[in-house]
């Protein structure tokens, strides 16, 4: 049973990436900075067919808590500059 003092986390669709590899790299950096995130994709996942490719056939998005938006943007800018 959920704790009555817990507040639900509102996730927002943050960024779309050209491939799962990029999304996984950014998600790992977010997690190292204690930013929880969820990766959603139209592909078959990291172990699915075509996972070796940098680019995926579908959209790969990362969802984060709205409160982490500014910090996540800074991390992504450092990692993904001009990609």
Protein backbone atom coordinates (compact mmCIF):
# COMPACT_ATOMS: atom_id res chain seq x y z
CA UNK A 1 0.00 0.00 0.00
CA UNK A 2 1.44 3.41 -0.95
CA UNK A 3 2.57 5.76 1.80
CA UNK A 4 0.06 8.59 2.28
CA UNK A 5 2.93 11.08 2.51
CA UNK A 6 4.32 10.18 -0.92
CA UNK A 7 3.56 12.50 -3.79
CA UNK A 8 3.11 11.15 -7.30
CA UNK A 9 5.91 11.99 -9.72
CA UNK A 10 4.80 13.81 -12.83
CA UNK A 11 6.87 12.61 -15.78
CA UNK A 12 7.27 14.69 -18.91
CA UNK A 13 8.38 13.64 -22.37
CA UNK A 14 11.81 15.21 -22.38
CA UNK A 15 13.85 14.40 -25.50
CA UNK A 16 13.70 12.22 -28.59
CA UNK A 17 16.89 10.54 -29.78
CA UNK A 18 17.93 9.19 -33.19
CA UNK A 19 18.71 5.79 -31.67
CA UNK A 20 18.53 3.67 -28.56
CA UNK A 21 22.29 3.81 -28.07
CA UNK A 22 22.19 7.59 -27.62
CA UNK A 23 19.19 7.36 -25.31
CA UNK A 24 20.86 4.67 -23.18
CA UNK A 25 24.04 6.74 -22.84
CA UNK A 26 22.14 9.84 -21.74
CA UNK A 27 19.91 7.82 -19.40
CA UNK A 28 22.99 6.35 -17.72
CA UNK A 29 24.44 9.84 -17.19
CA UNK A 30 21.12 11.02 -15.76
CA UNK A 31 21.00 8.10 -13.34
CA UNK A 32 24.58 8.77 -12.20
CA UNK A 33 23.37 12.28 -11.32
CA UNK A 34 20.40 10.83 -9.41
CA UNK A 35 17.84 11.79 -12.05
CA UNK A 36 15.31 9.01 -12.55
CA UNK A 37 14.20 8.46 -16.12
CA UNK A 38 12.30 6.07 -18.34
CA UNK A 39 13.22 5.19 -21.91
CA UNK A 40 10.32 4.52 -24.27
CA UNK A 41 10.88 3.40 -27.81
CA UNK A 42 9.18 2.13 -30.91
CA UNK A 43 12.05 -0.29 -31.51
CA UNK A 44 12.55 -3.75 -30.01
CA UNK A 45 14.79 -2.58 -27.21
CA UNK A 46 18.49 -2.87 -26.56
CA UNK A 47 18.48 -6.65 -27.20
CA UNK A 48 16.10 -6.61 -30.14
CA UNK A 49 16.88 -6.92 -33.81
CA UNK A 50 19.04 -4.12 -35.13
CA UNK A 51 20.25 -3.09 -31.68
CA UNK A 52 23.84 -2.95 -32.95
CA UNK A 53 22.96 0.07 -35.08
CA UNK A 54 23.36 3.57 -33.67
CA UNK A 55 20.08 4.60 -35.31
CA UNK A 56 16.72 3.00 -34.61
CA UNK A 57 13.78 2.60 -36.96
CA UNK A 58 11.43 4.31 -34.49
CA UNK A 59 11.41 7.16 -32.03
CA UNK A 60 13.29 6.71 -28.75
CA UNK A 61 12.29 9.11 -25.99
CA UNK A 62 13.38 9.75 -22.44
CA UNK A 63 10.83 10.78 -19.84
CA UNK A 64 11.95 12.56 -16.67
CA UNK A 65 10.44 14.28 -13.66
CA UNK A 66 9.53 17.88 -14.37
CA UNK A 67 11.59 18.99 -11.35
CA UNK A 68 14.77 17.59 -12.97
CA UNK A 69 14.35 19.38 -16.29
CA UNK A 70 17.02 22.07 -15.89
CA UNK A 71 19.70 19.69 -14.60
CA UNK A 72 18.89 17.10 -17.29
CA UNK A 73 19.21 19.74 -20.01
CA UNK A 74 22.69 20.64 -18.80
CA UNK A 75 23.79 17.01 -18.81
CA UNK A 76 22.38 16.36 -22.27
CA UNK A 77 23.95 19.51 -23.69
CA UNK A 78 27.39 18.39 -22.51
CA UNK A 79 26.93 14.90 -23.94
CA UNK A 80 24.97 15.45 -27.13
CA UNK A 81 26.23 18.81 -28.38
CA UNK A 82 25.29 19.08 -32.07
CA UNK A 83 23.84 15.55 -32.36
